[in-house]
C-alpha atoms as a PDB file:
ATOM      1  CA  MET A   1       0.000   0.000   0.000  1.00  0.00           C
ATOM      2  CA  ARG A   2       2.770   2.396   0.905  1.00  0.00           C
ATOM      3  CA  TYR A   3       4.593   1.734  -2.374  1.00  0.00           C
ATOM      4  CA  ASN A   4       1.461   2.473  -4.417  1.00  0.00           C
ATOM      5  CA  LEU A   5       0.939   5.776  -2.616  1.00  0.00           C
ATOM      6  CA  PHE A   6       4.557   6.767  -3.255  1.00  0.00           C
ATOM      7  CA  THR A   7       4.227   5.888  -6.948  1.00  0.00           C
ATOM      8  CA  VAL A   8       1.029   7.897  -7.333  1.00  0.00           C
ATOM      9  CA  LEU A   9       2.476  10.900  -5.526  1.00  0.00           C
ATOM     10  CA  SER A  10       5.650  10.818  -7.601  1.00  0.00           C
ATOM     11  CA  LEU A  11       3.561  10.778 -10.798  1.00  0.00           C
ATOM     12  CA  VAL A  12       1.552  13.762  -9.565  1.00  0.00           C
ATOM     13  CA  VAL A  13       4.701  15.694  -8.686  1.00  0.00           C
ATOM     14  CA  THR A  14       6.232  14.873 -12.072  1.00  0.00           C
ATOM     15  CA  GLY A  15       3.112  16.097 -13.846  1.00  0.00           C
ATOM     16  CA  VAL A  16       2.980  19.330 -11.877  1.00  0.00           C
ATOM     17  CA  LEU A  17       6.666  20.012 -12.505  1.00  0.00           C
ATOM     18  CA  SER A  18       6.353  19.374 -16.235  1.00  0.00           C
ATOM     19  CA  ILE A  19       3.359  21.706 -16.542  1.00  0.00           C
ATOM     20  CA  SER A  20       5.202  24.365 -14.535  1.00  0.00           C
ATOM     21  CA  LEU A  21       8.250  24.023 -16.777  1.00  0.00           C
ATOM     22  CA  ILE A  22       6.135  24.360 -19.925  1.00  0.00           C
ATOM     23  CA  ARG A  23       4.454  27.474 -18.558  1.00  0.00           C
ATOM     24  CA  LEU A  24       7.785  28.949 -17.506  1.00  0.00           C
ATOM     25  CA  VAL A  25       9.563  28.331 -20.809  1.00  0.00           C
ATOM     26  CA  CYS A  26       6.781  28.707 -23.378  1.00  0.00           C
ATOM     27  CA  SER A  27       4.353  31.127 -21.756  1.00  0.00           C
ATOM     28  CA  ALA A  28       1.744  31.217 -19.043  1.00  0.00           C
ATOM     29  CA  ARG A  29      -0.995  30.700 -21.642  1.00  0.00           C
ATOM     30  CA  ALA A  30       0.646  27.760 -23.402  1.00  0.00           C
ATOM     31  CA  ALA A  31      -1.699  24.981 -24.398  1.00  0.00           C
ATOM     32  CA  ILE A  32      -0.363  22.110 -22.305  1.00  0.00           C
ATOM     33  CA  PRO A  33      -1.584  19.174 -24.494  1.00  0.00           C
ATOM     34  CA  SER A  34      -0.226  20.585 -27.756  1.00  0.00           C
ATOM     35  CA  THR A  35       3.054  21.635 -26.147  1.00  0.00           C
ATOM     36  CA  THR A  36       3.646  18.209 -24.628  1.00  0.00           C
ATOM     37  CA  ARG A  37       2.859  16.578 -27.976  1.00  0.00           C
ATOM     38  CA  SER A  38       5.345  18.816 -29.787  1.00  0.00           C
ATOM     39  CA  LEU A  39       8.030  18.241 -27.151  1.00  0.00           C
ATOM     40  CA  SER A  40       7.491  14.480 -27.287  1.00  0.00           C
ATOM     41  CA  ARG A  41       8.146  14.546 -31.028  1.00  0.00           C
ATOM     42  CA  ARG A  42      11.303  16.628 -30.482  1.00  0.00           C
ATOM     43  CA  SER A  43      12.870  14.910 -27.507  1.00  0.00           C
ATOM     44  CA  LYS A  44      16.242  16.635 -27.916  1.00  0.00           C
ATOM     45  CA  ARG A  45      14.567  20.027 -27.518  1.00  0.00           C
ATOM     46  CA  ALA A  46      12.805  18.874 -24.380  1.00  0.00           C
ATOM     47  CA  ILE A  47      16.107  17.685 -22.927  1.00  0.00           C
ATOM     48  CA  ARG A  48      17.768  20.986 -23.878  1.00  0.00           C
ATOM     49  CA  LEU A  49      15.048  22.900 -22.041  1.00  0.00           C
ATOM     50  CA  LEU A  50      15.726  20.859 -18.917  1.00  0.00           C
ATOM     51  CA  THR A  51      19.506  21.329 -18.931  1.00  0.00           C
END
């Protein structure tokens, strides 16, 4: 039970951080679904934004 809670919480934190990063880099009004789709197609750009 404890492991499942940790996994769920880590997924939530990862999601919140990725949305925050998109809003910080792209703009506050960035469309999250389309931005994540474009970054998933260009994985090197997503990695560059993180480093």
